[in-house]
Amino acid sequence: MKEKVEAVIEKIRPFLQRDGGDIELIDVSQEGIVKVRLRGACGSCPMSMMTLKMGVEKQLKAEVPEVKEVITG
């Protein structure tokens, strides 16, 4: 599952980088919890939780059904 998650993150990354941010995959648990770190402009943006839940999590769940939740860590 980790390889699938990494592939989706690579597709999402250019959109975050375009706005001065980035995303780093930290861990994927057996339970389907994906832990990421938002970096750059995304790390300090007040909208980062919306980006995480409505963007990153939504896309990961759509492409990797085993993903249950995306959290920051």
PDB file of N, CA and C in Angstrom:
ATOM      1  N   MET A   1       0.829  -1.198   0.000  1.00  0.00           N
ATOM      2  CA  MET A   1       0.000   0.000   0.000  1.00  0.00           C
ATOM      3  C   MET A   1       0.868   1.254   0.000  1.00  0.00           C
ATOM      4  N   LYS A   2       2.030   1.213   0.634  1.00  0.00           N
ATOM      5  CA  LYS A   2       2.881   2.402   0.718  1.00  0.00           C
ATOM      6  C   LYS A   2       3.284   2.899  -0.665  1.00  0.00           C
ATOM      7  N   GLU A   3       3.571   1.975  -1.571  1.00  0.00           N
ATOM      8  CA  GLU A   3       3.975   2.367  -2.921  1.00  0.00           C
ATOM      9  C   GLU A   3       2.832   3.093  -3.643  1.00  0.00           C
ATOM     10  N   LYS A   4       1.599   2.613  -3.444  1.00  0.00           N
ATOM     11  CA  LYS A   4       0.442   3.269  -4.053  1.00  0.00           C
ATOM     12  C   LYS A   4       0.267   4.683  -3.499  1.00  0.00           C
ATOM     13  N   VAL A   5       0.424   4.827  -2.189  1.00  0.00           N
ATOM     14  CA  VAL A   5       0.297   6.137  -1.543  1.00  0.00           C
ATOM     15  C   VAL A   5       1.377   7.083  -2.073  1.00  0.00           C
ATOM     16  N   GLU A   6       2.609   6.584  -2.175  1.00  0.00           N
ATOM     17  CA  GLU A   6       3.698   7.416  -2.697  1.00  0.00           C
ATOM     18  C   GLU A   6       3.405   7.890  -4.121  1.00  0.00           C
ATOM     19  N   ALA A   7       2.830   7.018  -4.943  1.00  0.00           N
ATOM     20  CA  ALA A   7       2.515   7.385  -6.328  1.00  0.00           C
ATOM     21  C   ALA A   7       1.472   8.502  -6.377  1.00  0.00           C
ATOM     22  N   VAL A   8       0.462   8.420  -5.524  1.00  0.00           N
ATOM     23  CA  VAL A   8      -0.568   9.463  -5.493  1.00  0.00           C
ATOM     24  C   VAL A   8       0.032  10.770  -4.985  1.00  0.00           C
ATOM     25  N   ILE A   9       0.865  10.707  -3.968  1.00  0.00           N
ATOM     26  CA  ILE A   9       1.504  11.919  -3.438  1.00  0.00           C
ATOM     27  C   ILE A   9       2.361  12.582  -4.507  1.00  0.00           C
ATOM     28  N   GLU A  10       3.023  11.793  -5.326  1.00  0.00           N
ATOM     29  CA  GLU A  10       3.822  12.369  -6.415  1.00  0.00           C
ATOM     30  C   GLU A  10       2.945  13.111  -7.419  1.00  0.00           C
ATOM     31  N   LYS A  11       1.704  12.674  -7.598  1.00  0.00           N
ATOM     32  CA  LYS A  11       0.774  13.384  -8.494  1.00  0.00           C
ATOM     33  C   LYS A  11       0.270  14.676  -7.868  1.00  0.00           C
ATOM     34  N   ILE A  12       0.108  14.679  -6.536  1.00  0.00           N
ATOM     35  CA  ILE A  12      -0.396  15.847  -5.811  1.00  0.00           C
ATOM     36  C   ILE A  12       0.689  16.901  -5.626  1.00  0.00           C
ATOM     37  N   ARG A  13       1.911  16.463  -5.442  1.00  0.00           N
ATOM     38  CA  ARG A  13       3.040  17.341  -5.103  1.00  0.00           C
ATOM     39  C   ARG A  13       3.171  18.581  -6.003  1.00  0.00           C
ATOM     40  N   PRO A  14       3.081  18.473  -7.328  1.00  0.00           N
ATOM     41  CA  PRO A  14       3.244  19.678  -8.168  1.00  0.00           C
ATOM     42  C   PRO A  14       2.242  20.793  -7.858  1.00  0.00           C
ATOM     43  N   PHE A  15       1.024  20.428  -7.464  1.00  0.00           N
ATOM     44  CA  PHE A  15       0.022  21.439  -7.132  1.00  0.00           C
ATOM     45  C   PHE A  15       0.402  22.192  -5.857  1.00  0.00           C
ATOM     46  N   LEU A  16       0.947  21.487  -4.891  1.00  0.00           N
ATOM     47  CA  LEU A  16       1.391  22.137  -3.657  1.00  0.00           C
ATOM     48  C   LEU A  16       2.644  22.978  -3.911  1.00  0.00           C
ATOM     49  N   GLN A  17       3.550  22.456  -4.709  1.00  0.00           N
ATOM     50  CA  GLN A  17       4.785  23.184  -5.003  1.00  0.00           C
ATOM     51  C   GLN A  17       4.510  24.458  -5.789  1.00  0.00           C
ATOM     52  N   ARG A  18       3.485  24.432  -6.602  1.00  0.00           N
ATOM     53  CA  ARG A  18       3.122  25.621  -7.378  1.00  0.00           C
ATOM     54  C   ARG A  18       2.782  26.794  -6.461  1.00  0.00           C
ATOM     55  N   ASP A  19       2.257  26.475  -5.268  1.00  0.00           N
ATOM     56  CA  ASP A  19       1.905  27.513  -4.295  1.00  0.00           C
ATOM     57  C   ASP A  19       2.971  27.702  -3.226  1.00  0.00           C
ATOM     58  N   GLY A  20       4.164  27.153  -3.448  1.00  0.00           N
ATOM     59  CA  GLY A  20       5.263  27.347  -2.505  1.00  0.00           C
ATOM     60  C   GLY A  20       5.304  26.333  -1.375  1.00  0.00           C
ATOM     61  N   GLY A  21       4.533  25.271  -1.475  1.00  0.00           N
ATOM     62  CA  GLY A  21       4.510  24.255  -0.425  1.00  0.00           C
ATOM     63  C   GLY A  21       5.050  22.932  -0.919  1.00  0.00           C
ATOM     64  N   ASP A  22       4.909  21.932  -0.085  1.00  0.00           N
ATOM     65  CA  ASP A  22       5.333  20.578  -0.435  1.00  0.00           C
ATOM     66  C   ASP A  22       4.722  19.619   0.571  1.00  0.00           C
ATOM     67  N   ILE A  23       4.837  18.340   0.290  1.00  0.00           N
ATOM     68  CA  ILE A  23       4.312  17.308   1.172  1.00  0.00           C
ATOM     69  C   ILE A  23       5.342  16.190   1.283  1.00  0.00           C
ATOM     70  N   GLU A  24       5.470  15.655   2.473  1.00  0.00           N
ATOM     71  CA  GLU A  24       6.422  14.582   2.737  1.00  0.00           C
ATOM     72  C   GLU A  24       5.660  13.418   3.376  1.00  0.00           C
ATOM     73  N   LEU A  25       5.815  12.235   2.826  1.00  0.00           N
ATOM     74  CA  LEU A  25       5.202  11.045   3.406  1.00  0.00           C
ATOM     75  C   LEU A  25       6.067  10.571   4.562  1.00  0.00           C
ATOM     76  N   ILE A  26       5.453  10.417   5.729  1.00  0.00           N
ATOM     77  CA  ILE A  26       6.181   9.957   6.909  1.00  0.00           C
ATOM     78  C   ILE A  26       5.947   8.471   7.140  1.00  0.00           C
ATOM     79  N   ASP A  27       4.673   8.034   7.082  1.00  0.00           N
ATOM     80  CA  ASP A  27       4.374   6.643   7.400  1.00  0.00           C
ATOM     81  C   ASP A  27       3.015   6.251   6.840  1.00  0.00           C
ATOM     82  N   VAL A  28       2.866   4.962   6.583  1.00  0.00           N
ATOM     83  CA  VAL A  28       1.576   4.370   6.219  1.00  0.00           C
ATOM     84  C   VAL A  28       1.394   3.169   7.139  1.00  0.00           C
ATOM     85  N   SER A  29       0.375   3.211   7.993  1.00  0.00           N
ATOM     86  CA  SER A  29       0.162   2.127   8.948  1.00  0.00           C
ATOM     87  C   SER A  29      -0.634   0.986   8.311  1.00  0.00           C
ATOM     88  N   GLN A  30      -0.591  -0.161   8.946  1.00  0.00           N
ATOM     89  CA  GLN A  30      -1.362  -1.325   8.498  1.00  0.00           C
ATOM     90  C   GLN A  30      -2.859  -1.037   8.530  1.00  0.00           C
ATOM     91  N   GLU A  31      -3.272  -0.112   9.407  1.00  0.00           N
ATOM     92  CA  GLU A  31      -4.685   0.229   9.569  1.00  0.00           C
ATOM     93  C   GLU A  31      -5.177   1.220   8.522  1.00  0.00           C
ATOM     94  N   GLY A  32      -4.294   1.687   7.645  1.00  0.00           N
ATOM     95  CA  GLY A  32      -4.694   2.626   6.605  1.00  0.00           C
ATOM     96  C   GLY A  32      -4.582   4.086   6.996  1.00  0.00           C
ATOM     97  N   ILE A  33      -3.805   4.372   8.042  1.00  0.00           N
ATOM     98  CA  ILE A  33      -3.575   5.754   8.449  1.00  0.00           C
ATOM     99  C   ILE A  33      -2.292   6.245   7.770  1.00  0.00           C
ATOM    100  N   VAL A  34      -2.421   7.318   7.013  1.00  0.00           N
ATOM    101  CA  VAL A  34      -1.287   7.899   6.303  1.00  0.00           C
ATOM    102  C   VAL A  34      -0.844   9.141   7.060  1.00  0.00           C
ATOM    103  N   LYS A  35       0.428   9.179   7.418  1.00  0.00           N
ATOM    104  CA  LYS A  35       0.970  10.331   8.143  1.00  0.00           C
ATOM    105  C   LYS A  35       1.884  11.100   7.190  1.00  0.00           C
ATOM    106  N   VAL A  36       1.596  12.398   7.057  1.00  0.00           N
ATOM    107  CA  VAL A  36       2.373  13.263   6.165  1.00  0.00           C
ATOM    108  C   VAL A  36       2.822  14.515   6.917  1.00  0.00           C
ATOM    109  N   ARG A  37       3.742  15.223   6.317  1.00  0.00           N
ATOM    110  CA  ARG A  37       4.169  16.525   6.836  1.00  0.00           C
ATOM    111  C   ARG A  37       4.028  17.520   5.692  1.00  0.00           C
ATOM    112  N   LEU A  38       3.284  18.587   5.946  1.00  0.00           N
ATOM    113  CA  LEU A  38       3.179  19.671   4.975  1.00  0.00           C
ATOM    114  C   LEU A  38       4.346  20.612   5.215  1.00  0.00           C
ATOM    115  N   ARG A  39       5.000  21.026   4.132  1.00  0.00           N
ATOM    116  CA  ARG A  39       6.204  21.838   4.266  1.00  0.00           C
ATOM    117  C   ARG A  39       6.067  23.135   3.484  1.00  0.00           C
ATOM    118  N   GLY A  40       7.030  24.008   3.695  1.00  0.00           N
ATOM    119  CA  GLY A  40       7.038  25.278   2.982  1.00  0.00           C
ATOM    120  C   GLY A  40       5.824  26.111   3.332  1.00  0.00           C
ATOM    121  N   ALA A  41       5.248  26.752   2.326  1.00  0.00           N
ATOM    122  CA  ALA A  41       4.078  27.611   2.544  1.00  0.00           C
ATOM    123  C   ALA A  41       2.908  26.812   3.112  1.00  0.00           C
ATOM    124  N   CYS A  42       2.816  25.538   2.764  1.00  0.00           N
ATOM    125  CA  CYS A  42       1.705  24.707   3.266  1.00  0.00           C
ATOM    126  C   CYS A  42       1.825  24.449   4.765  1.00  0.00           C
ATOM    127  N   GLY A  43       3.037  24.429   5.281  1.00  0.00           N
ATOM    128  CA  GLY A  43       3.241  24.159   6.698  1.00  0.00           C
ATOM    129  C   GLY A  43       2.720  25.252   7.598  1.00  0.00           C
ATOM    130  N   SER A  44       2.690  26.479   7.099  1.00  0.00           N
ATOM    131  CA  SER A  44       2.253  27.602   7.934  1.00  0.00           C
ATOM    132  C   SER A  44       0.938  28.228   7.457  1.00  0.00           C
ATOM    133  N   CYS A  45       0.357  27.666   6.434  1.00  0.00           N
ATOM    134  CA  CYS A  45      -0.882  28.229   5.872  1.00  0.00           C
ATOM    135  C   CYS A  45      -2.078  27.909   6.762  1.00  0.00           C
ATOM    136  N   PRO A  46      -2.925  28.909   7.042  1.00  0.00           N
ATOM    137  CA  PRO A  46      -4.110  28.648   7.862  1.00  0.00           C
ATOM    138  C   PRO A  46      -5.106  27.696   7.178  1.00  0.00           C
ATOM    139  N   MET A  47      -4.995  27.519   5.895  1.00  0.00           N
ATOM    140  CA  MET A  47      -5.885  26.612   5.155  1.00  0.00           C
ATOM    141  C   MET A  47      -5.294  25.216   5.009  1.00  0.00           C
ATOM    142  N   SER A  48      -4.180  24.939   5.666  1.00  0.00           N
ATOM    143  CA  SER A  48      -3.491  23.665   5.460  1.00  0.00           C
ATOM    144  C   SER A  48      -4.336  22.459   5.843  1.00  0.00           C
ATOM    145  N   MET A  49      -5.164  22.564   6.880  1.00  0.00           N
ATOM    146  CA  MET A  49      -6.001  21.422   7.251  1.00  0.00           C
ATOM    147  C   MET A  49      -7.063  21.148   6.183  1.00  0.00           C
ATOM    148  N   MET A  50      -7.568  22.198   5.554  1.00  0.00           N
ATOM    149  CA  MET A  50      -8.521  22.010   4.468  1.00  0.00           C
ATOM    150  C   MET A  50      -7.812  21.357   3.279  1.00  0.00           C
ATOM    151  N   THR A  51      -6.616  21.807   2.979  1.00  0.00           N
ATOM    152  CA  THR A  51      -5.831  21.202   1.904  1.00  0.00           C
ATOM    153  C   THR A  51      -5.602  19.730   2.199  1.00  0.00           C
ATOM    154  N   LEU A  52      -5.264  19.431   3.449  1.00  0.00           N
ATOM    155  CA  LEU A  52      -4.981  18.056   3.836  1.00  0.00           C
ATOM    156  C   LEU A  52      -6.217  17.177   3.702  1.00  0.00           C
ATOM    157  N   LYS A  53      -7.338  17.615   4.249  1.00  0.00           N
ATOM    158  CA  LYS A  53      -8.543  16.784   4.266  1.00  0.00           C
ATOM    159  C   LYS A  53      -9.294  16.786   2.934  1.00  0.00           C
ATOM    160  N   MET A  54      -9.497  17.962   2.351  1.00  0.00           N
ATOM    161  CA  MET A  54     -10.300  18.064   1.135  1.00  0.00           C
ATOM    162  C   MET A  54      -9.500  17.785  -0.135  1.00  0.00           C
ATOM    163  N   GLY A  55      -8.203  17.901  -0.054  1.00  0.00           N
ATOM    164  CA  GLY A  55      -7.377  17.656  -1.231  1.00  0.00           C
ATOM    165  C   GLY A  55      -6.634  16.335  -1.142  1.00  0.00           C
ATOM    166  N   VAL A  56      -5.667  16.283  -0.250  1.00  0.00           N
ATOM    167  CA  VAL A  56      -4.789  15.125  -0.149  1.00  0.00           C
ATOM    168  C   VAL A  56      -5.566  13.876   0.272  1.00  0.00           C
ATOM    169  N   GLU A  57      -6.311  13.952   1.365  1.00  0.00           N
ATOM    170  CA  GLU A  57      -7.033  12.781   1.856  1.00  0.00           C
ATOM    171  C   GLU A  57      -8.073  12.300   0.834  1.00  0.00           C
ATOM    172  N   LYS A  58      -8.788  13.211   0.263  1.00  0.00           N
ATOM    173  CA  LYS A  58      -9.825  12.852  -0.721  1.00  0.00           C
ATOM    174  C   LYS A  58      -9.212  12.115  -1.910  1.00  0.00           C
ATOM    175  N   GLN A  59      -8.100  12.624  -2.409  1.00  0.00           N
ATOM    176  CA  GLN A  59      -7.441  11.994  -3.560  1.00  0.00           C
ATOM    177  C   GLN A  59      -6.866  10.629  -3.196  1.00  0.00           C
ATOM    178  N   LEU A  60      -6.244  10.533  -2.023  1.00  0.00           N
ATOM    179  CA  LEU A  60      -5.686   9.252  -1.602  1.00  0.00           C
ATOM    180  C   LEU A  60      -6.775   8.200  -1.425  1.00  0.00           C
ATOM    181  N   LYS A  61      -7.880   8.566  -0.790  1.00  0.00           N
ATOM    182  CA  LYS A  61      -8.977   7.613  -0.591  1.00  0.00           C
ATOM    183  C   LYS A  61      -9.571   7.166  -1.932  1.00  0.00           C
ATOM    184  N   ALA A  62      -9.642   8.070  -2.894  1.00  0.00           N
ATOM    185  CA  ALA A  62     -10.200   7.743  -4.202  1.00  0.00           C
ATOM    186  C   ALA A  62      -9.317   6.752  -4.956  1.00  0.00           C
ATOM    187  N   GLU A  63      -8.000   6.909  -4.825  1.00  0.00           N
ATOM    188  CA  GLU A  63      -7.078   6.075  -5.598  1.00  0.00           C
ATOM    189  C   GLU A  63      -6.541   4.876  -4.827  1.00  0.00           C
ATOM    190  N   VAL A  64      -6.573   4.943  -3.500  1.00  0.00           N
ATOM    191  CA  VAL A  64      -6.092   3.838  -2.657  1.00  0.00           C
ATOM    192  C   VAL A  64      -7.176   3.565  -1.610  1.00  0.00           C
ATOM    193  N   PRO A  65      -8.145   2.723  -1.932  1.00  0.00           N
ATOM    194  CA  PRO A  65      -9.286   2.507  -1.025  1.00  0.00           C
ATOM    195  C   PRO A  65      -8.925   2.038   0.379  1.00  0.00           C
ATOM    196  N   GLU A  66      -7.741   1.479   0.542  1.00  0.00           N
ATOM    197  CA  GLU A  66      -7.309   1.013   1.870  1.00  0.00           C
ATOM    198  C   GLU A  66      -7.018   2.166   2.828  1.00  0.00           C
ATOM    199  N   VAL A  67      -6.836   3.362   2.291  1.00  0.00           N
ATOM    200  CA  VAL A  67      -6.546   4.533   3.136  1.00  0.00           C
ATOM    201  C   VAL A  67      -7.814   4.933   3.891  1.00  0.00           C
ATOM    202  N   LYS A  68      -7.685   5.036   5.197  1.00  0.00           N
ATOM    203  CA  LYS A  68      -8.810   5.406   6.076  1.00  0.00           C
ATOM    204  C   LYS A  68      -8.757   6.882   6.471  1.00  0.00           C
ATOM    205  N   GLU A  69      -7.547   7.407   6.692  1.00  0.00           N
ATOM    206  CA  GLU A  69      -7.391   8.779   7.160  1.00  0.00           C
ATOM    207  C   GLU A  69      -5.993   9.278   6.851  1.00  0.00           C
ATOM    208  N   VAL A  70      -5.873  10.587   6.658  1.00  0.00           N
ATOM    209  CA  VAL A  70      -4.575  11.234   6.479  1.00  0.00           C
ATOM    210  C   VAL A  70      -4.406  12.215   7.620  1.00  0.00           C
ATOM    211  N   ILE A  71      -3.274  12.119   8.316  1.00  0.00           N
ATOM    212  CA  ILE A  71      -2.988  13.001   9.437  1.00  0.00           C
ATOM    213  C   ILE A  71      -1.614  13.630   9.259  1.00  0.00           C
ATOM    214  N   THR A  72      -1.376  14.718  10.004  1.00  0.00           N
ATOM    215  CA  THR A  72      -0.050  15.325   9.979  1.00  0.00           C
ATOM    216  C   THR A  72       0.746  14.811  11.166  1.00  0.00           C
ATOM    217  N   GLY A  73       2.041  14.781  10.988  1.00  0.00           N
ATOM    218  CA  GLY A  73       2.859  14.267  12.072  1.00  0.00           C
ATOM    219  C   GLY A  73       4.207  14.815  12.153  1.00  0.00           C
TER     220      GLY A  73
END
